[in-house]
């Protein structure tokens, strides 16, 4: 029984090795672009989704591939949004982007801060998400080695 188990386990391992070799060989002829997985938390309104989508678009345009979930060999980009009152009519929005390597080590951090009209990001982010993602993507792209 143990022998049959070992043989089956060996066959499964061989499949994984074959799959990995195919993926690494770049069967399409393209150079292997790194994968990125983006998450955003803490934004009001639709900010979490809007920032994630906008940054995904920016990183794809810069040649990165997107991962649908965090997994091995993927760079994770974690966005955290913080909004603080500044005055009766103004707020400060800060977005902190942390880039983690595939092994979980921190590659770097980039931070954005902007004064906004109070409540202006409580609904749809729209162009604000696109602008924030475009500005952040340049720094984030530099933190992911090719």
Protein backbone atom coordinates (compact mmCIF):
# COMPACT_ATOMS: atom_id res chain seq x y z
CA UNK A 1 0.00 0.00 0.00
CA UNK A 2 2.80 2.42 0.89
CA UNK A 3 4.58 1.54 -2.31
CA UNK A 4 1.49 2.38 -4.40
CA UNK A 5 1.18 5.66 -2.50
CA UNK A 6 4.84 6.52 -3.18
CA UNK A 7 4.48 5.70 -6.89
CA UNK A 8 1.34 7.88 -7.11
CA UNK A 9 3.05 10.72 -5.27
CA UNK A 10 6.01 10.47 -7.61
CA UNK A 11 3.71 10.70 -10.64
CA UNK A 12 2.04 13.80 -9.23
CA UNK A 13 5.42 15.40 -8.53
CA UNK A 14 6.50 14.67 -12.12
CA UNK A 15 3.40 16.45 -13.41
CA UNK A 16 4.22 19.56 -11.36
CA UNK A 17 7.83 19.54 -12.60
CA UNK A 18 6.64 19.22 -16.20
CA UNK A 19 4.10 22.04 -15.74
CA UNK A 20 6.68 24.31 -14.10
CA UNK A 21 9.22 23.69 -16.83
CA UNK A 22 6.65 24.54 -19.52
CA UNK A 23 5.68 27.77 -17.76
CA UNK A 24 9.29 28.83 -17.21
CA UNK A 25 10.38 28.01 -20.75
CA UNK A 26 8.04 30.71 -22.01
CA UNK A 27 6.33 28.56 -24.61
CA UNK A 28 4.86 31.70 -26.19
CA UNK A 29 8.33 33.08 -26.90
CA UNK A 30 7.77 36.14 -24.70
CA UNK A 31 10.11 37.05 -21.89
CA UNK A 32 8.65 36.09 -18.54
CA UNK A 33 7.07 39.20 -17.07
CA UNK A 34 6.58 39.21 -13.31
CA UNK A 35 3.10 38.72 -11.89
CA UNK A 36 1.47 41.21 -9.53
CA UNK A 37 -1.53 40.88 -7.23
CA UNK A 38 -3.09 44.16 -6.06
CA UNK A 39 -5.29 44.66 -3.00
CA UNK A 40 -6.61 47.91 -1.54
CA UNK A 41 -8.31 48.43 1.83
CA UNK A 42 -9.69 51.34 3.81
CA UNK A 43 -11.04 53.54 1.02
CA UNK A 44 -14.53 55.02 1.32
CA UNK A 45 -17.12 54.65 -1.43
CA UNK A 46 -16.01 52.37 -4.25
CA UNK A 47 -12.37 53.28 -3.64
CA UNK A 48 -11.07 49.80 -2.84
CA UNK A 49 -12.39 48.39 -6.12
CA UNK A 50 -11.70 51.51 -8.19
CA UNK A 51 -8.08 51.82 -7.04
CA UNK A 52 -7.46 48.09 -7.51
CA UNK A 53 -8.85 48.17 -11.04
CA UNK A 54 -7.03 51.38 -11.99
CA UNK A 55 -3.68 50.13 -10.66
CA UNK A 56 -4.17 46.78 -12.40
CA UNK A 57 -4.65 48.69 -15.68
CA UNK A 58 -1.55 50.81 -15.09
CA UNK A 59 0.66 47.85 -14.18
CA UNK A 60 -0.57 45.84 -17.17
CA UNK A 61 0.27 48.77 -19.44
CA UNK A 62 3.80 48.69 -17.98
CA UNK A 63 4.24 45.04 -18.90
CA UNK A 64 3.35 43.26 -15.68
CA UNK A 65 0.99 40.30 -15.68
CA UNK A 66 -1.87 40.16 -13.20
CA UNK A 67 -2.50 37.31 -10.79
CA UNK A 68 -6.08 36.55 -9.81
CA UNK A 69 -5.02 35.61 -6.28
CA UNK A 70 -1.90 35.82 -4.18
CA UNK A 71 0.20 32.74 -4.86
CA UNK A 72 3.82 31.66 -5.27
CA UNK A 73 6.08 33.74 -7.54
CA UNK A 74 3.80 36.78 -7.40
CA UNK A 75 4.61 40.30 -6.21
CA UNK A 76 1.91 41.56 -3.89
CA UNK A 77 0.98 45.24 -3.96
CA UNK A 78 -0.97 46.24 -0.84
CA UNK A 79 -2.70 49.60 -0.83
CA UNK A 80 -3.99 51.13 2.39
CA UNK A 81 -6.11 54.29 2.30
CA UNK A 82 -6.40 56.62 5.27
CA UNK A 83 -8.61 59.68 5.37
CA UNK A 84 -8.22 62.26 8.13
CA UNK A 85 -10.08 65.53 8.72
CA UNK A 86 -8.00 68.66 8.27
CA UNK A 87 -10.66 71.34 8.63
CA UNK A 88 -14.43 71.69 8.43
CA UNK A 89 -14.33 71.44 4.63
CA UNK A 90 -11.07 69.56 3.89
CA UNK A 91 -9.71 66.05 4.38
CA UNK A 92 -6.30 64.55 3.84
CA UNK A 93 -6.22 61.29 1.89
CA UNK A 94 -3.10 59.16 2.17
CA UNK A 95 -2.51 56.01 0.16
CA UNK A 96 0.36 53.81 1.24
CA UNK A 97 1.48 51.21 -1.31
CA UNK A 98 3.63 48.35 0.01
CA UNK A 99 5.27 45.99 -2.49
CA UNK A 100 6.15 42.51 -1.23
CA UNK A 101 8.32 40.08 -3.14
CA UNK A 102 7.31 36.49 -3.92
CA UNK A 103 9.08 35.30 -0.77
CA UNK A 104 7.22 37.86 1.37
CA UNK A 105 10.06 40.33 1.83
CA UNK A 106 9.27 44.01 1.55
CA UNK A 107 10.56 45.45 -1.74
CA UNK A 108 9.62 49.01 -0.85
CA UNK A 109 6.92 51.53 -0.01
CA UNK A 110 5.50 54.50 -1.85
CA UNK A 111 3.14 57.03 -0.30
CA UNK A 112 0.69 59.55 -1.74
CA UNK A 113 -1.01 62.37 0.14
CA UNK A 114 -3.51 64.91 -1.13
CA UNK A 115 -5.92 67.43 0.38
CA UNK A 116 -9.47 66.99 -0.88
CA UNK A 117 -12.90 68.48 -0.34
CA UNK A 118 -14.57 66.72 2.60
CA UNK A 119 -16.69 63.79 1.45
CA UNK A 120 -15.64 64.00 -2.21
CA UNK A 121 -14.46 60.37 -2.20
CA UNK A 122 -17.44 58.93 -0.33
CA UNK A 123 -19.08 57.74 -3.57
CA UNK A 124 -17.46 56.86 -6.89
CA UNK A 125 -13.74 57.54 -7.20
CA UNK A 126 -13.68 57.66 -11.02
CA UNK A 127 -10.85 59.89 -12.26
CA UNK A 128 -9.40 60.23 -8.77
CA UNK A 129 -8.62 56.49 -8.76
CA UNK A 130 -7.10 56.69 -12.23
CA UNK A 131 -4.94 59.67 -11.29
CA UNK A 132 -3.76 58.08 -8.04
CA UNK A 133 -2.98 54.78 -9.78
CA UNK A 134 -1.09 56.47 -12.61
CA UNK A 135 1.06 58.38 -10.14
CA UNK A 136 1.73 55.33 -7.96
CA UNK A 137 2.38 52.89 -10.83
CA UNK A 138 5.64 54.58 -11.81
CA UNK A 139 7.14 54.05 -8.33
CA UNK A 140 5.62 50.58 -7.90
CA UNK A 141 6.99 49.47 -11.28
CA UNK A 142 10.51 50.41 -10.14
CA UNK A 143 10.14 48.16 -7.07
CA UNK A 144 9.39 45.03 -9.11
CA UNK A 145 12.57 43.67 -10.75
CA UNK A 146 12.51 42.38 -14.32
